[in-house]
Amino acid sequence: ELDSDLSNSGYFASVIVSAQSEEA
């Protein structure tokens, strides 16, 4: 949802959202 909201905002050419469990 966060990726979609930022991508559909019209502000950005590229959006990459990552959440790595190994970094928890």
PDB file of all heavy atoms in Angstrom:
ATOM      1  N   GLU A   1       0.830  -1.208   0.000  1.00  0.00           N
ATOM      2  CA  GLU A   1       0.000   0.000   0.000  1.00  0.00           C
ATOM      3  C   GLU A   1       0.863   1.255   0.000  1.00  0.00           C
ATOM      4  O   GLU A   1       0.569   2.226  -0.707  1.00  0.00           O
ATOM      5  CB  GLU A   1      -0.924  -0.012   1.220  1.00  0.00           C
ATOM      6  CG  GLU A   1      -2.040  -1.034   1.138  1.00  0.00           C
ATOM      7  CD  GLU A   1      -2.790  -1.155   2.452  1.00  0.00           C
ATOM      8  OE1 GLU A   1      -2.482  -0.377   3.391  1.00  0.00           O
ATOM      9  OE2 GLU A   1      -3.667  -2.024   2.556  1.00  0.00           O
ATOM     10  N   LEU A   2       1.930   1.269   0.788  1.00  0.00           N
ATOM     11  CA  LEU A   2       2.821   2.425   0.810  1.00  0.00           C
ATOM     12  C   LEU A   2       3.468   2.628  -0.553  1.00  0.00           C
ATOM     13  O   LEU A   2       3.550   3.761  -1.050  1.00  0.00           O
ATOM     14  CB  LEU A   2       3.882   2.225   1.892  1.00  0.00           C
ATOM     15  CG  LEU A   2       4.959   3.315   1.997  1.00  0.00           C
ATOM     16  CD1 LEU A   2       4.333   4.678   2.257  1.00  0.00           C
ATOM     17  CD2 LEU A   2       5.966   2.962   3.084  1.00  0.00           C
ATOM     18  N   ASP A   3       3.904   1.544  -1.166  1.00  0.00           N
ATOM     19  CA  ASP A   3       4.487   1.630  -2.508  1.00  0.00           C
ATOM     20  C   ASP A   3       3.476   2.194  -3.496  1.00  0.00           C
ATOM     21  O   ASP A   3       3.791   3.082  -4.300  1.00  0.00           O
ATOM     22  CB  ASP A   3       4.953   0.241  -2.935  1.00  0.00           C
ATOM     23  CG  ASP A   3       5.720   0.262  -4.246  1.00  0.00           C
ATOM     24  OD1 ASP A   3       5.121   0.591  -5.278  1.00  0.00           O
ATOM     25  OD2 ASP A   3       6.920  -0.074  -4.236  1.00  0.00           O
ATOM     26  N   SER A   4       2.239   1.692  -3.433  1.00  0.00           N
ATOM     27  CA  SER A   4       1.199   2.151  -4.359  1.00  0.00           C
ATOM     28  C   SER A   4       0.863   3.622  -4.128  1.00  0.00           C
ATOM     29  O   SER A   4       0.713   4.395  -5.087  1.00  0.00           O
ATOM     30  CB  SER A   4      -0.045   1.284  -4.200  1.00  0.00           C
ATOM     31  OG  SER A   4      -1.101   1.745  -5.007  1.00  0.00           O
ATOM     32  N   ASP A   5       0.731   4.031  -2.873  1.00  0.00           N
ATOM     33  CA  ASP A   5       0.378   5.420  -2.582  1.00  0.00           C
ATOM     34  C   ASP A   5       1.446   6.382  -3.083  1.00  0.00           C
ATOM     35  O   ASP A   5       1.130   7.428  -3.669  1.00  0.00           O
ATOM     36  CB  ASP A   5       0.175   5.599  -1.074  1.00  0.00           C
ATOM     37  CG  ASP A   5      -1.076   4.906  -0.564  1.00  0.00           C
ATOM     38  OD1 ASP A   5      -1.960   4.621  -1.388  1.00  0.00           O
ATOM     39  OD2 ASP A   5      -1.147   4.636   0.654  1.00  0.00           O
ATOM     40  N   LEU A   6       2.695   6.050  -2.871  1.00  0.00           N
ATOM     41  CA  LEU A   6       3.772   6.921  -3.345  1.00  0.00           C
ATOM     42  C   LEU A   6       3.861   6.918  -4.869  1.00  0.00           C
ATOM     43  O   LEU A   6       4.060   7.967  -5.497  1.00  0.00           O
ATOM     44  CB  LEU A   6       5.104   6.472  -2.738  1.00  0.00           C
ATOM     45  CG  LEU A   6       5.280   6.730  -1.235  1.00  0.00           C
ATOM     46  CD1 LEU A   6       6.468   5.959  -0.688  1.00  0.00           C
ATOM     47  CD2 LEU A   6       5.442   8.223  -0.966  1.00  0.00           C
ATOM     48  N   SER A   7       3.696   5.746  -5.493  1.00  0.00           N
ATOM     49  CA  SER A   7       3.766   5.648  -6.954  1.00  0.00           C
ATOM     50  C   SER A   7       2.637   6.406  -7.623  1.00  0.00           C
ATOM     51  O   SER A   7       2.825   7.000  -8.700  1.00  0.00           O
ATOM     52  CB  SER A   7       3.745   4.179  -7.382  1.00  0.00           C
ATOM     53  OG  SER A   7       4.847   3.465  -6.865  1.00  0.00           O
ATOM     54  N   ASN A   8       1.444   6.401  -7.009  1.00  0.00           N
ATOM     55  CA  ASN A   8       0.281   7.056  -7.604  1.00  0.00           C
ATOM     56  C   ASN A   8       0.168   8.525  -7.243  1.00  0.00           C
ATOM     57  O   ASN A   8      -0.772   9.203  -7.674  1.00  0.00           O
ATOM     58  CB  ASN A   8      -0.996   6.333  -7.177  1.00  0.00           C
ATOM     59  CG  ASN A   8      -1.083   4.922  -7.728  1.00  0.00           C
ATOM     60  OD1 ASN A   8      -0.541   4.636  -8.791  1.00  0.00           O
ATOM     61  ND2 ASN A   8      -1.749   4.030  -7.011  1.00  0.00           N
ATOM     62  N   SER A   9       1.101   9.030  -6.448  1.00  0.00           N
ATOM     63  CA  SER A   9       1.028  10.423  -6.013  1.00  0.00           C
ATOM     64  C   SER A   9       1.284  11.401  -7.151  1.00  0.00           C
ATOM     65  O   SER A   9       0.860  12.558  -7.085  1.00  0.00           O
ATOM     66  CB  SER A   9       2.038  10.672  -4.893  1.00  0.00           C
ATOM     67  OG  SER A   9       3.376  10.589  -5.396  1.00  0.00           O
ATOM     68  N   GLY A  10       1.997  10.952  -8.191  1.00  0.00           N
ATOM     69  CA  GLY A  10       2.356  11.844  -9.277  1.00  0.00           C
ATOM     70  C   GLY A  10       3.648  12.600  -9.039  1.00  0.00           C
ATOM     71  O   GLY A  10       4.072  13.383  -9.894  1.00  0.00           O
ATOM     72  N   TYR A  11       4.311  12.368  -7.882  1.00  0.00           N
ATOM     73  CA  TYR A  11       5.535  13.086  -7.561  1.00  0.00           C
ATOM     74  C   TYR A  11       6.806  12.358  -8.005  1.00  0.00           C
ATOM     75  O   TYR A  11       7.848  12.992  -8.157  1.00  0.00           O
ATOM     76  CB  TYR A  11       5.626  13.300  -6.046  1.00  0.00           C
ATOM     77  CG  TYR A  11       4.568  14.199  -5.453  1.00  0.00           C
ATOM     78  CD1 TYR A  11       3.973  13.887  -4.240  1.00  0.00           C
ATOM     79  CD2 TYR A  11       4.172  15.376  -6.088  1.00  0.00           C
ATOM     80  CE1 TYR A  11       3.010  14.703  -3.670  1.00  0.00           C
ATOM     81  CE2 TYR A  11       3.203  16.194  -5.535  1.00  0.00           C
ATOM     82  CZ  TYR A  11       2.623  15.856  -4.318  1.00  0.00           C
ATOM     83  OH  TYR A  11       1.675  16.677  -3.774  1.00  0.00           O
ATOM     84  N   PHE A  12       6.739  11.050  -8.192  1.00  0.00           N
ATOM     85  CA  PHE A  12       7.958  10.266  -8.301  1.00  0.00           C
ATOM     86  C   PHE A  12       8.012   9.457  -9.596  1.00  0.00           C
ATOM     87  O   PHE A  12       7.007   8.910 -10.039  1.00  0.00           O
ATOM     88  CB  PHE A  12       8.090   9.318  -7.103  1.00  0.00           C
ATOM     89  CG  PHE A  12       7.945  10.019  -5.781  1.00  0.00           C
ATOM     90  CD1 PHE A  12       6.802   9.853  -5.012  1.00  0.00           C
ATOM     91  CD2 PHE A  12       8.941  10.876  -5.334  1.00  0.00           C
ATOM     92  CE1 PHE A  12       6.659  10.518  -3.812  1.00  0.00           C
ATOM     93  CE2 PHE A  12       8.806  11.542  -4.132  1.00  0.00           C
ATOM     94  CZ  PHE A  12       7.660  11.372  -3.364  1.00  0.00           C
ATOM     95  N   ALA A  13       9.220   9.375 -10.146  1.00  0.00           N
ATOM     96  CA  ALA A  13       9.453   8.533 -11.319  1.00  0.00           C
ATOM     97  C   ALA A  13       9.738   7.101 -10.908  1.00  0.00           C
ATOM     98  O   ALA A  13       9.493   6.170 -11.676  1.00  0.00           O
ATOM     99  CB  ALA A  13      10.618   9.085 -12.134  1.00  0.00           C
ATOM    100  N   SER A  14      10.280   6.904  -9.711  1.00  0.00           N
ATOM    101  CA  SER A  14      10.627   5.565  -9.241  1.00  0.00           C
ATOM    102  C   SER A  14      10.400   5.500  -7.735  1.00  0.00           C
ATOM    103  O   SER A  14      10.767   6.428  -7.009  1.00  0.00           O
ATOM    104  CB  SER A  14      12.077   5.234  -9.587  1.00  0.00           C
ATOM    105  OG  SER A  14      12.492   4.032  -8.973  1.00  0.00           O
ATOM    106  N   VAL A  15       9.808   4.387  -7.290  1.00  0.00           N
ATOM    107  CA  VAL A  15       9.576   4.143  -5.864  1.00  0.00           C
ATOM    108  C   VAL A  15       9.993   2.712  -5.557  1.00  0.00           C
ATOM    109  O   VAL A  15       9.529   1.771  -6.211  1.00  0.00           O
ATOM    110  CB  VAL A  15       8.093   4.347  -5.477  1.00  0.00           C
ATOM    111  CG1 VAL A  15       7.868   3.987  -4.006  1.00  0.00           C
ATOM    112  CG2 VAL A  15       7.649   5.772  -5.761  1.00  0.00           C
ATOM    113  N   ILE A  16      10.871   2.547  -4.602  1.00  0.00           N
ATOM    114  CA  ILE A  16      11.279   1.212  -4.157  1.00  0.00           C
ATOM    115  C   ILE A  16      11.119   1.160  -2.639  1.00  0.00           C
ATOM    116  O   ILE A  16      11.780   1.914  -1.909  1.00  0.00           O
ATOM    117  CB  ILE A  16      12.740   0.897  -4.547  1.00  0.00           C
ATOM    118  CG1 ILE A  16      12.904   0.960  -6.067  1.00  0.00           C
ATOM    119  CG2 ILE A  16      13.143  -0.477  -4.018  1.00  0.00           C
ATOM    120  CD1 ILE A  16      14.348   0.769  -6.524  1.00  0.00           C
ATOM    121  N   VAL A  17      10.220   0.295  -2.175  1.00  0.00           N
ATOM    122  CA  VAL A  17       9.990   0.120  -0.745  1.00  0.00           C
ATOM    123  C   VAL A  17      10.461  -1.277  -0.364  1.00  0.00           C
ATOM    124  O   VAL A  17      10.026  -2.270  -0.957  1.00  0.00           O
ATOM    125  CB  VAL A  17       8.508   0.292  -0.389  1.00  0.00           C
ATOM    126  CG1 VAL A  17       8.304   0.161   1.119  1.00  0.00           C
ATOM    127  CG2 VAL A  17       7.994   1.646  -0.872  1.00  0.00           C
ATOM    128  N   SER A  18      11.347  -1.363   0.591  1.00  0.00           N
ATOM    129  CA  SER A  18      11.871  -2.666   1.012  1.00  0.00           C
ATOM    130  C   SER A  18      11.754  -2.805   2.522  1.00  0.00           C
ATOM    131  O   SER A  18      11.900  -1.830   3.266  1.00  0.00           O
ATOM    132  CB  SER A  18      13.331  -2.838   0.573  1.00  0.00           C
ATOM    133  OG  SER A  18      14.159  -1.877   1.204  1.00  0.00           O
ATOM    134  N   ALA A  19      11.501  -4.040   2.954  1.00  0.00           N
ATOM    135  CA  ALA A  19      11.437  -4.384   4.376  1.00  0.00           C
ATOM    136  C   ALA A  19      12.060  -5.761   4.519  1.00  0.00           C
ATOM    137  O   ALA A  19      11.415  -6.778   4.221  1.00  0.00           O
ATOM    138  CB  ALA A  19      10.000  -4.369   4.873  1.00  0.00           C
ATOM    139  N   GLN A  20      13.321  -5.807   4.941  1.00  0.00           N
ATOM    140  CA  GLN A  20      14.080  -7.048   5.015  1.00  0.00           C
ATOM    141  C   GLN A  20      14.046  -7.595   6.438  1.00  0.00           C
ATOM    142  O   GLN A  20      14.509  -6.924   7.368  1.00  0.00           O
ATOM    143  CB  GLN A  20      15.528  -6.816   4.567  1.00  0.00           C
ATOM    144  CG  GLN A  20      15.653  -6.225   3.170  1.00  0.00           C
ATOM    145  CD  GLN A  20      15.121  -7.156   2.100  1.00  0.00           C
ATOM    146  OE1 GLN A  20      15.218  -8.377   2.214  1.00  0.00           O
ATOM    147  NE2 GLN A  20      14.552  -6.569   1.045  1.00  0.00           N
ATOM    148  N   SER A  21      13.524  -8.801   6.584  1.00  0.00           N
ATOM    149  CA  SER A  21      13.454  -9.402   7.917  1.00  0.00           C
ATOM    150  C   SER A  21      14.844  -9.652   8.489  1.00  0.00           C
ATOM    151  O   SER A  21      15.020  -9.667   9.717  1.00  0.00           O
ATOM    152  CB  SER A  21      12.655 -10.706   7.864  1.00  0.00           C
ATOM    153  OG  SER A  21      13.284 -11.643   6.992  1.00  0.00           O
ATOM    154  N   GLU A  22      15.847  -9.850   7.629  1.00  0.00           N
ATOM    155  CA  GLU A  22      17.205 -10.086   8.103  1.00  0.00           C
ATOM    156  C   GLU A  22      17.774  -8.873   8.832  1.00  0.00           C
ATOM    157  O   GLU A  22      18.723  -8.998   9.624  1.00  0.00           O
ATOM    158  CB  GLU A  22      18.130 -10.444   6.934  1.00  0.00           C
ATOM    159  CG  GLU A  22      17.751 -11.726   6.194  1.00  0.00           C
ATOM    160  CD  GLU A  22      16.672 -11.495   5.149  1.00  0.00           C
ATOM    161  OE1 GLU A  22      16.215 -10.326   5.006  1.00  0.00           O
ATOM    162  OE2 GLU A  22      16.264 -12.469   4.490  1.00  0.00           O
ATOM    163  N   GLU A  23      17.207  -7.682   8.573  1.00  0.00           N
ATOM    164  CA  GLU A  23      17.692  -6.464   9.209  1.00  0.00           C
ATOM    165  C   GLU A  23      16.910  -6.116  10.469  1.00  0.00           C
ATOM    166  O   GLU A  23      17.116  -5.038  11.054  1.00  0.00           O
ATOM    167  CB  GLU A  23      17.626  -5.309   8.218  1.00  0.00           C
ATOM    168  CG  GLU A  23      18.463  -5.549   6.956  1.00  0.00           C
ATOM    169  CD  GLU A  23      18.297  -4.433   5.931  1.00  0.00           C
ATOM    170  OE1 GLU A  23      17.592  -3.460   6.237  1.00  0.00           O
ATOM    171  OE2 GLU A  23      18.883  -4.542   4.828  1.00  0.00           O
ATOM    172  N   ALA A  24      16.009  -7.007  10.881  1.00  0.00           N
ATOM    173  CA  ALA A  24      15.181  -6.716  12.043  1.00  0.00           C
ATOM    174  C   ALA A  24      16.015  -6.712  13.324  1.00  0.00           C
ATOM    175  O   ALA A  24      16.972  -7.481  13.484  1.00  0.00           O
ATOM    176  CB  ALA A  24      14.065  -7.757  12.156  1.00  0.00           C
TER     177      ALA A  24
END
